[in-house]
């Protein structure tokens, strides 16, 4: 048996949709969630691709997700949008609020979207890239479950607490970065556990607070922030911006609410969109062109722009498809057999 299964992106999409529908997710929710998984596989981000079907299925089976949630959009203020996700996945809530966020950003120069009562399991870059592709500058943050210890400690307080940023570029893919404030994404550690591979000893601690190369031990203990106190401070910022500021749970509160089910985090997300034309008027195009000199200076010395590898992987996978580990593919197919 081959170690991997080659799928076209359409086949990935169909696999994701069918699996999500099999575990009872409503059509609109399944459609939105499937697209983020396709994006992960397409862009070479295996830890955020179809592997997440296992995560989503477990969350649905545990009752942690409202299967037929319909997001409710409201406008707290002129430049603010709020979407109550009703306990559904964040993807559909973002899709519901995005048109109004874009309109308010263009009308006011800046606008913010608060997603509340949503379930998170995926990366944030698809959201900021979509906004940047529409000509807006975007920033997104979300807490998760308390899996990450603060710098100087060994007990979890923070989530992986990602920060994503998008910048529009004329004639090129948007400049996008999306990174966890933990040393590595939790999904990456889980993929090491599944493969029986050791992890670097600076990724986390076991339950006794000792550095460990055992992926399972770190998953049961605490992950580390990146960059010591700097990553720790950014993680705390994310907790505040997408927690108390929008009336949502912190990572510790999300984990407590999970009550041992091992489901995906449930809480909030904050997305800020800025319209260059709102600040610069007719000069926006010329000023954005100045940013290209920054990107050129980075690349001229052989350095890589964030997301460059994703875009290169995208170009390949759109032609060649993607490879999914055979064991993972079998586990996904088994989801339907259980139901």
Protein backbone atom coordinates (compact mmCIF):
# COMPACT_ATOMS: atom_id res chain seq x y z
CA UNK A 1 0.00 0.00 0.00
CA UNK A 2 1.29 3.47 -0.89
CA UNK A 3 2.23 5.76 1.98
CA UNK A 4 0.16 8.59 0.48
CA UNK A 5 -2.99 9.21 -1.54
CA UNK A 6 -2.91 11.84 -4.29
CA UNK A 7 -6.03 13.98 -4.51
CA UNK A 8 -7.02 16.89 -6.71
CA UNK A 9 -8.21 19.99 -4.86
CA UNK A 10 -11.75 19.24 -6.00
CA UNK A 11 -11.42 15.78 -4.47
CA UNK A 12 -10.15 17.32 -1.23
CA UNK A 13 -13.17 19.63 -1.24
CA UNK A 14 -15.56 16.75 -1.86
CA UNK A 15 -13.92 14.63 0.86
CA UNK A 16 -14.20 17.47 3.37
CA UNK A 17 -17.82 18.28 2.51
CA UNK A 18 -18.94 14.63 2.59
CA UNK A 19 -17.18 13.93 5.88
CA UNK A 20 -18.58 17.02 7.56
CA UNK A 21 -22.09 16.26 6.33
CA UNK A 22 -21.71 12.68 7.54
CA UNK A 23 -21.12 13.87 11.10
CA UNK A 24 -24.21 16.07 10.87
CA UNK A 25 -22.89 19.53 10.02
CA UNK A 26 -25.47 21.69 8.22
CA UNK A 27 -24.75 22.42 4.52
CA UNK A 28 -23.82 26.09 4.90
CA UNK A 29 -21.49 25.34 7.81
CA UNK A 30 -19.93 22.38 5.98
CA UNK A 31 -19.31 24.44 2.86
CA UNK A 32 -17.51 27.20 4.76
CA UNK A 33 -15.45 24.82 6.88
CA UNK A 34 -14.46 22.66 3.91
CA UNK A 35 -12.99 25.64 2.06
CA UNK A 36 -10.54 26.38 4.87
CA UNK A 37 -9.36 22.76 4.79
CA UNK A 38 -8.92 22.92 1.03
CA UNK A 39 -6.90 26.11 1.49
CA UNK A 40 -4.65 24.39 4.03
CA UNK A 41 -3.92 21.42 1.76
CA UNK A 42 -3.61 23.63 -1.32
CA UNK A 43 -1.02 25.84 0.35
CA UNK A 44 1.08 23.04 1.84
CA UNK A 45 -0.12 23.56 5.42
CA UNK A 46 -0.86 19.94 6.29
CA UNK A 47 -1.53 20.68 9.95
CA UNK A 48 -4.47 22.87 8.85
CA UNK A 49 -5.70 20.71 5.98
CA UNK A 50 -7.85 17.57 5.97
CA UNK A 51 -6.22 16.43 9.20
CA UNK A 52 -8.61 18.94 10.77
CA UNK A 53 -11.52 16.74 9.72
CA UNK A 54 -10.57 14.48 12.62
CA UNK A 55 -10.61 17.49 14.93
CA UNK A 56 -13.92 18.83 13.61
CA UNK A 57 -15.59 15.41 13.74
CA UNK A 58 -14.56 14.93 17.36
CA UNK A 59 -15.84 18.39 18.30
CA UNK A 60 -19.17 17.68 16.60
CA UNK A 61 -19.57 14.27 18.17
CA UNK A 62 -18.78 15.65 21.63
CA UNK A 63 -21.59 18.21 21.33
CA UNK A 64 -19.20 21.14 21.46
CA UNK A 65 -20.45 22.58 18.14
CA UNK A 66 -23.96 23.68 17.16
CA UNK A 67 -24.38 21.71 13.93
CA UNK A 68 -26.97 23.99 12.33
CA UNK A 69 -25.97 27.35 13.83
CA UNK A 70 -27.05 30.42 11.86
CA UNK A 71 -24.83 33.48 12.53
CA UNK A 72 -26.57 36.69 13.66
CA UNK A 73 -25.06 39.98 12.46
CA UNK A 74 -25.43 43.25 14.39
CA UNK A 75 -23.91 46.76 14.31
CA UNK A 76 -22.87 48.03 17.77
CA UNK A 77 -21.47 51.27 16.28
CA UNK A 78 -20.72 52.99 12.99
CA UNK A 79 -17.39 51.23 12.47
CA UNK A 80 -18.17 48.00 14.32
CA UNK A 81 -19.70 44.68 13.29
CA UNK A 82 -20.59 41.87 15.65
CA UNK A 83 -21.50 38.34 14.61
CA UNK A 84 -22.92 35.91 17.14
CA UNK A 85 -21.94 32.54 15.74
CA UNK A 86 -24.40 30.65 17.91
CA UNK A 87 -21.84 28.00 18.77
CA UNK A 88 -21.08 27.12 15.15
CA UNK A 89 -17.72 27.15 13.41
CA UNK A 90 -16.02 30.51 12.90
CA UNK A 91 -15.82 30.20 9.10
CA UNK A 92 -19.52 30.79 8.45
CA UNK A 93 -19.65 33.60 11.01
CA UNK A 94 -16.79 35.37 9.22
CA UNK A 95 -18.51 34.92 5.86
CA UNK A 96 -21.67 36.47 7.32
CA UNK A 97 -19.88 39.51 8.72
CA UNK A 98 -17.29 40.10 6.02
CA UNK A 99 -19.43 42.15 3.56
CA UNK A 100 -20.46 44.61 6.26
CA UNK A 101 -16.90 44.80 7.63
CA UNK A 102 -15.58 45.71 4.19
CA UNK A 103 -18.33 48.28 3.64
CA UNK A 104 -17.72 49.93 7.02
CA UNK A 105 -13.96 49.99 6.47
CA UNK A 106 -14.45 51.80 3.17
CA UNK A 107 -16.94 54.21 4.69
CA UNK A 108 -14.90 55.01 7.81
CA UNK A 109 -11.31 54.18 6.87
CA UNK A 110 -11.21 51.54 9.61
CA UNK A 111 -13.65 48.98 10.98
CA UNK A 112 -13.61 46.00 13.31
CA UNK A 113 -15.47 42.71 13.30
CA UNK A 114 -16.02 40.77 16.52
CA UNK A 115 -16.94 37.11 16.13
CA UNK A 116 -18.46 35.73 19.32
CA UNK A 117 -19.54 32.25 20.41
CA UNK A 118 -17.68 30.55 17.58
CA UNK A 119 -15.63 27.35 17.45
CA UNK A 120 -12.05 27.64 16.14
CA UNK A 121 -9.88 24.90 14.69
CA UNK A 122 -8.13 26.49 11.71
CA UNK A 123 -5.59 29.11 10.70
CA UNK A 124 -6.49 32.79 10.38
CA UNK A 125 -4.63 33.54 7.16
CA UNK A 126 -7.55 32.70 4.81
CA UNK A 127 -9.52 35.51 6.44
CA UNK A 128 -6.87 38.23 6.27
CA UNK A 129 -5.84 37.17 2.78
CA UNK A 130 -9.43 37.52 1.58
CA UNK A 131 -9.63 41.04 2.99
CA UNK A 132 -6.23 42.01 1.56
CA UNK A 133 -7.27 40.65 -1.83
CA UNK A 134 -10.18 43.10 -1.61
CA UNK A 135 -7.70 45.97 -1.12
CA UNK A 136 -7.84 46.27 2.67
CA UNK A 137 -5.15 45.95 5.31
CA UNK A 138 -6.25 43.36 7.86
CA UNK A 139 -5.30 42.08 11.30
CA UNK A 140 -6.92 39.11 13.08
CA UNK A 141 -6.39 37.52 16.51
CA UNK A 142 -8.05 34.77 18.51
CA UNK A 143 -7.34 32.91 21.76
CA UNK A 144 -7.87 29.15 22.03
CA UNK A 145 -7.60 26.63 24.91
CA UNK A 146 -5.04 27.14 27.68
CA UNK A 147 -2.29 24.92 26.30
CA UNK A 148 0.69 27.30 26.49
CA UNK A 149 2.79 28.33 29.47
CA UNK A 150 3.93 31.95 29.89
CA UNK A 151 7.64 32.68 29.66
CA UNK A 152 9.20 31.76 33.00
CA UNK A 153 6.42 29.28 33.83
CA UNK A 154 5.55 25.69 32.99
CA UNK A 155 1.77 25.61 33.48
CA UNK A 156 -0.70 26.53 30.72
CA UNK A 157 -2.31 29.98 30.74
CA UNK A 158 -2.49 31.04 27.08
CA UNK A 159 -3.80 29.45 23.95
CA UNK A 160 -1.67 29.16 20.83
CA UNK A 161 -3.13 32.63 20.22
CA UNK A 162 -2.36 33.31 16.56
CA UNK A 163 -1.87 36.72 14.98
CA UNK A 164 -2.52 37.17 11.26
CA UNK A 165 -1.87 40.20 9.05
CA UNK A 166 -2.66 40.93 5.42
CA UNK A 167 -1.44 43.73 3.12
CA UNK A 168 -2.77 44.29 -0.44
CA UNK A 169 -0.34 44.29 -3.37
CA UNK A 170 -1.13 45.37 -6.92
CA UNK A 171 -0.43 42.57 -9.38
CA UNK A 172 0.80 40.15 -6.72
CA UNK A 173 -0.51 37.91 -3.99
CA UNK A 174 -1.15 39.82 -0.75
CA UNK A 175 1.62 40.00 1.83
CA UNK A 176 0.31 37.73 4.57
CA UNK A 177 1.66 36.27 7.75
CA UNK A 178 -0.07 34.10 10.30
CA UNK A 179 1.78 32.68 13.26
CA UNK A 180 0.94 31.20 16.60
CA UNK A 181 2.44 32.94 19.59
CA UNK A 182 3.35 29.45 20.77
CA UNK A 183 6.67 28.00 19.59
CA UNK A 184 4.75 25.87 17.09
CA UNK A 185 1.15 25.19 16.13
CA UNK A 186 -0.50 22.52 18.27
CA UNK A 187 -1.52 20.64 15.16
CA UNK A 188 2.16 20.26 14.26
CA UNK A 189 2.84 18.52 17.57
CA UNK A 190 -0.18 16.27 17.00
CA UNK A 191 1.14 15.30 13.56
CA UNK A 192 4.46 14.34 15.19
CA UNK A 193 2.57 12.25 17.75
CA UNK A 194 0.62 10.46 15.02
CA UNK A 195 3.85 9.73 13.13
CA UNK A 196 5.73 8.61 16.26
CA UNK A 197 8.38 11.30 15.73
CA UNK A 198 10.22 13.17 18.46
CA UNK A 199 9.82 16.94 18.72
CA UNK A 200 12.49 19.52 19.60
CA UNK A 201 12.92 19.86 23.36
CA UNK A 202 12.18 23.59 23.25
CA UNK A 203 8.58 23.14 22.07
CA UNK A 204 7.13 22.37 25.46
CA UNK A 205 7.08 20.69 28.85
CA UNK A 206 5.65 17.45 30.19
CA UNK A 207 3.07 17.45 32.99
CA UNK A 208 5.87 17.73 35.56
CA UNK A 209 7.27 20.88 33.97
CA UNK A 210 10.29 19.25 32.35
CA UNK A 211 11.35 19.93 28.75
CA UNK A 212 10.37 16.94 26.62
CA UNK A 213 10.84 15.56 23.12
CA UNK A 214 7.77 13.32 23.53
CA UNK A 215 4.91 14.86 21.55
CA UNK A 216 2.24 13.12 23.63
CA UNK A 217 3.85 14.29 26.87
CA UNK A 218 3.89 17.91 25.69
CA UNK A 219 0.28 17.70 24.52
CA UNK A 220 -0.58 16.58 28.04
CA UNK A 221 1.67 19.19 29.63
CA UNK A 222 2.34 22.69 28.29
CA UNK A 223 3.61 24.23 25.10
CA UNK A 224 6.04 27.17 25.08
CA UNK A 225 5.65 30.61 23.58
CA UNK A 226 8.05 31.64 20.84
CA UNK A 227 10.73 34.20 21.61
CA UNK A 228 10.51 33.97 25.38
CA UNK A 229 8.94 37.01 27.01
CA UNK A 230 8.16 38.64 23.64
CA UNK A 231 5.90 35.84 22.48
CA UNK A 232 4.43 35.64 25.96
CA UNK A 233 3.48 39.33 25.89
CA UNK A 234 1.89 38.97 22.45
CA UNK A 235 -0.07 35.95 23.67
CA UNK A 236 -1.40 38.03 26.56
CA UNK A 237 -2.37 40.79 24.12
CA UNK A 238 -4.40 38.32 22.05
CA UNK A 239 -6.15 37.07 25.19
CA UNK A 240 -7.28 40.63 25.96
CA UNK A 241 -8.22 41.78 22.45
CA UNK A 242 -10.30 38.75 21.52
CA UNK A 243 -11.43 37.96 25.06
CA UNK A 244 -12.58 40.63 27.51
CA UNK A 245 -12.59 43.43 24.90
CA UNK A 246 -15.37 41.72 22.95
CA UNK A 247 -17.02 40.02 25.93
CA UNK A 248 -15.63 36.58 25.18
CA UNK A 249 -13.76 33.85 27.04
CA UNK A 250 -10.05 33.70 27.70
CA UNK A 251 -8.16 30.54 26.80
CA UNK A 252 -8.37 29.28 30.39
CA UNK A 253 -12.12 29.88 30.43
CA UNK A 254 -12.54 28.12 27.08
CA UNK A 255 -10.68 25.07 28.35
CA UNK A 256 -12.79 25.01 31.53
CA UNK A 257 -15.99 25.24 29.47
CA UNK A 258 -14.79 22.30 27.37
CA UNK A 259 -15.14 20.18 30.51
CA UNK A 260 -12.72 17.51 29.37
CA UNK A 261 -14.35 16.78 26.02
CA UNK A 262 -11.14 17.56 24.13
CA UNK A 263 -13.06 19.62 21.57
CA UNK A 264 -11.88 22.67 19.64
CA UNK A 265 -11.77 26.04 21.43
CA UNK A 266 -14.96 28.06 21.63
CA UNK A 267 -14.80 31.81 22.08
CA UNK A 268 -14.12 34.94 20.07
CA UNK A 269 -12.07 36.49 17.28
CA UNK A 270 -11.30 40.11 16.52
CA UNK A 271 -10.63 41.27 12.97
CA UNK A 272 -9.62 44.84 12.12
CA UNK A 273 -9.78 46.13 8.53
CA UNK A 274 -8.20 49.37 7.33
CA UNK A 275 -8.82 51.03 3.98
CA UNK A 276 -5.71 52.75 2.56
CA UNK A 277 -7.94 55.10 0.57
CA UNK A 278 -9.59 56.22 3.80
CA UNK A 279 -6.24 57.47 5.07
CA UNK A 280 -4.71 58.58 1.78
CA UNK A 281 -7.48 59.29 -0.71
CA UNK A 282 -6.23 59.43 -4.28
CA UNK A 283 -2.64 58.97 -3.08
CA UNK A 284 -3.35 55.43 -1.83
CA UNK A 285 -2.02 53.72 -4.94
CA UNK A 286 1.26 55.62 -4.90
CA UNK A 287 1.77 55.00 -1.21
CA UNK A 288 1.07 51.29 -1.52
CA UNK A 289 3.62 51.20 -4.33
CA UNK A 290 6.21 52.52 -1.87
CA UNK A 291 5.66 49.42 0.22
CA UNK A 292 6.95 47.36 -2.70
CA UNK A 293 10.43 48.79 -2.11
CA UNK A 294 10.35 47.20 1.36
CA UNK A 295 9.42 43.82 -0.09
CA UNK A 296 12.05 44.15 -2.81
CA UNK A 297 14.75 44.97 -0.25
CA UNK A 298 13.85 41.81 1.66
CA UNK A 299 13.92 39.55 -1.37
CA UNK A 300 17.00 41.16 -2.94
CA UNK A 301 19.20 39.67 -0.24
CA UNK A 302 17.77 36.19 -0.60
CA UNK A 303 15.30 36.44 2.26
CA UNK A 304 11.82 35.02 1.85
CA UNK A 305 8.61 36.96 2.33
CA UNK A 306 6.14 35.34 4.71
CA UNK A 307 3.60 33.25 2.77
CA UNK A 308 5.94 32.86 -0.24
CA UNK A 309 6.15 29.11 0.37
CA UNK A 310 2.37 28.90 0.62
CA UNK A 311 1.91 30.62 -2.71
CA UNK A 312 4.53 28.38 -4.34
CA UNK A 313 2.78 25.30 -2.93
CA UNK A 314 -0.53 26.69 -4.18
CA UNK A 315 0.77 26.98 -7.72
CA UNK A 316 1.96 23.34 -7.64
CA UNK A 317 -1.10 21.83 -5.98
CA UNK A 318 -3.51 23.52 -8.37
CA UNK A 319 -1.81 21.51 -11.12
CA UNK A 320 -0.55 18.37 -9.39
CA UNK A 321 -3.01 17.97 -6.55
CA UNK A 322 -1.84 17.11 -3.03
CA UNK A 323 -0.56 14.07 -1.18
CA UNK A 324 -2.45 12.98 1.94
CA UNK A 325 -0.78 10.38 4.18
CA UNK A 326 -2.49 7.02 3.64
CA UNK A 327 -3.03 6.45 7.37
CA UNK A 328 -4.69 9.83 7.74
CA UNK A 329 -6.85 9.23 4.67
CA UNK A 330 -7.97 5.91 6.13
CA UNK A 331 -8.86 7.58 9.44
CA UNK A 332 -10.95 10.17 7.59
CA UNK A 333 -12.80 7.52 5.59
CA UNK A 334 -13.44 5.67 8.84
CA UNK A 335 -15.33 8.68 10.18
CA UNK A 336 -18.17 7.88 7.81
CA UNK A 337 -18.10 4.22 8.73
CA UNK A 338 -18.60 5.02 12.42
CA UNK A 339 -21.74 7.07 11.83
